[in-house]
């Protein structure tokens, strides 16, 4: 399989670069789906899937690099011949129809003071199935918006204090988009002290004890008290607020 790639970069000014890339390659499907002959649930003959699925993508962007400030912005486009989607009730992935994604990513870093560093990242992705009936184009589990950022302060030599935030936007859980996951936001605070080869630290995870879901799926399940199975959201919650300690010795 040929996988051609090409790229070009232009230094428009001191510390300013514009670039564009194009590439074709492939991703591998679960090899069990390429060798299976019998469906383990129904016992009927199973349809096999190709081992390799073609992919092609393009990105156009730019970056600014200064002594205390860096900024990168890129727009991207990605076509997959087949999308792997995780099936929550089966605990495995299954190949689906072709997909198309396009979106933007931005990253920024700023050191306003010698002892303080700020960073932020943002990504937005528009993801849809291709070649499917109208109204069934949403990709289950495809998060559209991701935001992260933080601050790191080093008030004295060897001491680092960090505050981090991470946000995942909602994602469709079924193809028609009528059911979606809830957004998830976590904020963590940590402090680390390094003295020669020894590094110790403490982290306060999930400061505000958010009750968000770490991952969410939609499928049928049945409790002992229920007479029939019910289709509903199933989720794994984020870990509750807790304190974690670190000790490391490098030699």
Protein backbone atom coordinates (compact mmCIF):
# COMPACT_ATOMS: atom_id res chain seq x y z
CA UNK A 1 0.00 0.00 0.00
CA UNK A 2 1.42 3.34 -1.04
CA UNK A 3 1.41 6.08 1.60
CA UNK A 4 2.48 9.32 -0.13
CA UNK A 5 3.14 12.38 2.01
CA UNK A 6 4.12 15.96 1.22
CA UNK A 7 4.75 19.09 3.23
CA UNK A 8 5.86 22.67 2.79
CA UNK A 9 6.88 25.33 5.32
CA UNK A 10 7.55 29.04 4.82
CA UNK A 11 9.34 31.28 7.29
CA UNK A 12 7.23 34.38 6.71
CA UNK A 13 9.11 36.47 9.30
CA UNK A 14 11.43 36.08 12.23
CA UNK A 15 9.71 33.61 14.55
CA UNK A 16 6.71 33.18 12.21
CA UNK A 17 6.18 30.01 10.17
CA UNK A 18 3.34 28.95 7.87
CA UNK A 19 3.02 25.34 6.76
CA UNK A 20 0.84 22.80 4.94
CA UNK A 21 0.93 19.01 4.94
CA UNK A 22 -0.87 16.23 3.05
CA UNK A 23 -0.62 12.51 3.63
CA UNK A 24 -2.22 9.17 2.86
CA UNK A 25 -1.84 6.05 4.96
CA UNK A 26 -4.04 3.49 6.75
CA UNK A 27 -5.18 2.30 10.14
CA UNK A 28 -5.63 -1.34 11.14
CA UNK A 29 -8.96 -2.82 12.12
CA UNK A 30 -9.22 -5.33 14.96
CA UNK A 31 -7.58 -8.40 13.39
CA UNK A 32 -10.19 -10.62 15.03
CA UNK A 33 -12.74 -9.10 12.69
CA UNK A 34 -10.57 -10.04 9.71
CA UNK A 35 -10.20 -13.70 10.71
CA UNK A 36 -13.53 -14.48 12.38
CA UNK A 37 -15.77 -17.06 10.70
CA UNK A 38 -18.56 -17.58 13.27
CA UNK A 39 -20.39 -14.96 15.33
CA UNK A 40 -19.74 -16.00 18.98
CA UNK A 41 -23.16 -14.68 20.09
CA UNK A 42 -25.51 -16.01 17.41
CA UNK A 43 -23.43 -18.91 16.08
CA UNK A 44 -24.14 -17.75 12.52
CA UNK A 45 -21.49 -17.12 9.86
CA UNK A 46 -19.80 -13.76 10.44
CA UNK A 47 -18.85 -11.14 7.87
CA UNK A 48 -15.13 -10.42 7.80
CA UNK A 49 -13.69 -6.93 7.52
CA UNK A 50 -10.51 -5.73 5.79
CA UNK A 51 -7.40 -5.58 7.96
CA UNK A 52 -6.42 -2.17 6.60
CA UNK A 53 -8.59 0.93 6.13
CA UNK A 54 -7.30 3.76 4.00
CA UNK A 55 -6.90 7.26 5.45
CA UNK A 56 -5.95 10.63 4.00
CA UNK A 57 -5.56 13.96 5.68
CA UNK A 58 -4.52 17.58 5.23
CA UNK A 59 -3.50 20.32 7.64
CA UNK A 60 -2.74 24.00 7.12
CA UNK A 61 -1.43 26.11 9.94
CA UNK A 62 1.00 28.57 11.36
CA UNK A 63 3.06 29.14 14.47
CA UNK A 64 4.58 32.14 16.22
CA UNK A 65 7.59 31.60 18.49
CA UNK A 66 8.92 34.38 20.68
CA UNK A 67 11.11 34.37 23.78
CA UNK A 68 8.21 34.21 26.23
CA UNK A 69 5.23 33.48 23.95
CA UNK A 70 4.37 30.64 21.55
CA UNK A 71 1.17 30.30 19.55
CA UNK A 72 0.15 27.60 17.06
CA UNK A 73 -3.06 27.40 15.02
CA UNK A 74 -3.93 24.66 12.54
CA UNK A 75 -6.93 23.58 10.49
CA UNK A 76 -7.21 19.92 9.54
CA UNK A 77 -9.20 17.56 7.33
CA UNK A 78 -9.27 13.75 7.68
CA UNK A 79 -11.01 11.03 5.67
CA UNK A 80 -11.17 7.42 6.90
CA UNK A 81 -12.35 4.55 4.75
CA UNK A 82 -13.79 2.89 7.86
CA UNK A 83 -14.24 4.10 11.43
CA UNK A 84 -13.55 1.92 14.47
CA UNK A 85 -16.27 2.48 17.11
CA UNK A 86 -16.07 1.05 20.63
CA UNK A 87 -19.10 -1.02 21.64
CA UNK A 88 -19.61 -0.61 25.37
CA UNK A 89 -21.75 -3.69 26.07
CA UNK A 90 -19.44 -5.96 24.05
CA UNK A 91 -16.17 -4.45 25.30
CA UNK A 92 -14.71 -4.44 21.79
CA UNK A 93 -14.41 -2.26 18.72
CA UNK A 94 -16.31 -2.76 15.48
CA UNK A 95 -15.63 -1.28 12.03
CA UNK A 96 -18.23 1.12 10.67
CA UNK A 97 -18.78 3.25 7.60
CA UNK A 98 -16.41 5.82 6.18
CA UNK A 99 -16.04 9.08 8.08
CA UNK A 100 -14.91 12.64 7.52
CA UNK A 101 -13.53 15.09 10.05
CA UNK A 102 -12.43 18.68 9.89
CA UNK A 103 -11.70 21.21 12.56
CA UNK A 104 -9.17 23.47 14.24
CA UNK A 105 -6.59 23.17 16.99
CA UNK A 106 -4.90 25.99 18.88
CA UNK A 107 -2.09 25.90 21.44
CA UNK A 108 -0.63 28.83 23.37
CA UNK A 109 2.19 29.23 25.90
CA UNK A 110 3.08 32.45 27.71
CA UNK A 111 5.64 33.22 30.42
CA UNK A 112 4.68 36.71 31.67
CA UNK A 113 7.11 36.47 34.58
CA UNK A 114 10.29 34.41 35.07
CA UNK A 115 8.54 32.31 37.73
CA UNK A 116 5.11 31.97 36.07
CA UNK A 117 4.05 30.03 32.96
CA UNK A 118 0.56 29.87 31.42
CA UNK A 119 -0.63 27.46 28.74
CA UNK A 120 -3.89 26.68 26.98
CA UNK A 121 -5.14 24.35 24.24
CA UNK A 122 -8.40 24.21 22.31
CA UNK A 123 -9.68 21.78 19.68
CA UNK A 124 -12.94 21.61 17.76
CA UNK A 125 -13.79 18.71 15.47
CA UNK A 126 -16.77 18.25 13.14
CA UNK A 127 -17.05 14.47 12.64
CA UNK A 128 -19.62 12.65 10.50
CA UNK A 129 -20.17 9.30 8.77
CA UNK A 130 -20.10 9.36 4.97
CA UNK A 131 -22.35 7.42 2.60
CA UNK A 132 -25.06 6.66 5.18
CA UNK A 133 -28.77 7.61 5.31
CA UNK A 134 -29.53 11.18 6.29
CA UNK A 135 -30.04 11.57 10.02
CA UNK A 136 -27.67 8.70 10.90
CA UNK A 137 -24.37 10.50 10.38
CA UNK A 138 -23.23 11.08 13.97
CA UNK A 139 -20.22 9.08 15.18
CA UNK A 140 -20.84 7.61 18.65
CA UNK A 141 -18.29 8.84 21.16
CA UNK A 142 -16.85 11.58 18.94
CA UNK A 143 -16.22 14.56 21.23
CA UNK A 144 -16.54 17.85 19.37
CA UNK A 145 -14.80 20.21 21.78
CA UNK A 146 -11.80 19.75 24.07
CA UNK A 147 -10.28 22.51 26.23
CA UNK A 148 -7.31 22.34 28.58
CA UNK A 149 -5.13 24.86 30.31
CA UNK A 150 -3.18 25.67 33.38
CA UNK A 151 -0.67 27.73 35.26
CA UNK A 152 2.69 26.75 36.76
CA UNK A 153 4.38 28.90 39.39
CA UNK A 154 7.93 28.44 40.70
CA UNK A 155 8.20 30.93 43.58
CA UNK A 156 11.45 29.42 44.91
CA UNK A 157 14.11 27.18 43.41
CA UNK A 158 12.97 23.56 43.21
CA UNK A 159 9.30 24.25 43.98
CA UNK A 160 6.62 23.99 41.27
CA UNK A 161 2.92 24.64 41.91
CA UNK A 162 0.47 23.82 39.11
CA UNK A 163 -3.23 24.36 38.55
CA UNK A 164 -4.76 22.41 35.63
CA UNK A 165 -8.23 22.32 34.06
CA UNK A 166 -9.50 19.81 31.50
CA UNK A 167 -12.87 19.98 29.74
CA UNK A 168 -14.47 17.51 27.33
CA UNK A 169 -17.62 18.63 25.56
CA UNK A 170 -20.63 16.41 24.98
CA UNK A 171 -20.54 13.60 22.40
CA UNK A 172 -23.30 11.78 20.51
CA UNK A 173 -23.92 8.23 21.75
CA UNK A 174 -26.01 6.96 18.83
CA UNK A 175 -25.98 7.70 15.12
CA UNK A 176 -29.04 9.95 15.02
CA UNK A 177 -27.62 12.25 17.72
CA UNK A 178 -30.76 12.07 19.87
CA UNK A 179 -28.75 10.86 22.88
CA UNK A 180 -25.51 12.49 23.98
CA UNK A 181 -23.08 12.38 26.87
CA UNK A 182 -22.76 15.25 29.34
CA UNK A 183 -19.68 17.50 29.35
CA UNK A 184 -16.90 16.65 31.80
CA UNK A 185 -14.71 19.19 33.60
CA UNK A 186 -11.92 18.42 36.05
CA UNK A 187 -9.65 20.81 37.96
CA UNK A 188 -6.49 19.61 39.72
CA UNK A 189 -3.95 21.33 41.96
CA UNK A 190 -0.45 19.99 42.61
CA UNK A 191 2.86 20.96 44.19
CA UNK A 192 6.27 19.35 43.57
CA UNK A 193 9.64 19.91 45.19
CA UNK A 194 12.91 18.77 43.64
CA UNK A 195 16.14 18.53 45.61
CA UNK A 196 18.95 16.93 43.62
CA UNK A 197 17.88 13.41 42.59
CA UNK A 198 14.83 13.44 44.88
CA UNK A 199 11.40 14.72 43.84
CA UNK A 200 8.38 14.72 46.13
CA UNK A 201 4.91 16.03 45.47
CA UNK A 202 1.24 16.12 46.40
CA UNK A 203 -1.78 16.46 44.11
CA UNK A 204 -5.34 17.42 44.97
CA UNK A 205 -7.31 15.64 42.25
CA UNK A 206 -10.80 16.85 41.29
CA UNK A 207 -10.75 19.88 43.58
CA UNK A 208 -14.48 20.56 43.40
CA UNK A 209 -15.46 16.87 43.62
CA UNK A 210 -17.20 16.93 40.21
CA UNK A 211 -19.75 14.15 39.68
CA UNK A 212 -19.18 14.01 35.92
CA UNK A 213 -18.78 10.87 33.82
CA UNK A 214 -15.36 9.74 32.65
CA UNK A 215 -16.88 7.79 29.74
CA UNK A 216 -20.48 7.18 28.62
CA UNK A 217 -22.14 4.59 26.36
CA UNK A 218 -25.71 3.91 25.23
CA UNK A 219 -27.00 0.35 24.99
CA UNK A 220 -29.63 -2.03 26.39
CA UNK A 221 -29.30 -3.60 29.84
CA UNK A 222 -31.60 -5.32 32.27
CA UNK A 223 -31.60 -5.19 36.08
CA UNK A 224 -32.88 -8.14 38.16
CA UNK A 225 -36.01 -6.14 39.04
CA UNK A 226 -36.85 -5.38 35.39
CA UNK A 227 -38.93 -7.64 33.15
CA UNK A 228 -37.44 -6.35 29.88
CA UNK A 229 -34.19 -4.76 28.83
CA UNK A 230 -34.03 -0.98 28.70
CA UNK A 231 -31.91 1.19 26.40
CA UNK A 232 -30.19 3.87 28.45
CA UNK A 233 -26.92 5.65 29.10
CA UNK A 234 -24.22 3.73 30.99
CA UNK A 235 -21.27 5.61 32.40
CA UNK A 236 -18.09 5.29 34.41
CA UNK A 237 -17.81 8.21 36.86
CA UNK A 238 -14.67 10.26 37.30
CA UNK A 239 -12.69 9.56 40.44
CA UNK A 240 -13.84 11.59 43.47
CA UNK A 241 -11.79 14.30 45.13
CA UNK A 242 -8.64 12.78 46.60
CA UNK A 243 -5.08 13.55 47.61
CA UNK A 244 -2.22 11.75 45.87
CA UNK A 245 1.42 11.71 46.93
CA UNK A 246 4.54 11.24 44.83
CA UNK A 247 8.11 10.31 45.72
CA UNK A 248 10.80 9.72 43.08
CA UNK A 249 14.50 9.12 43.25
CA UNK A 250 16.56 9.38 40.07
CA UNK A 251 19.91 7.61 39.86
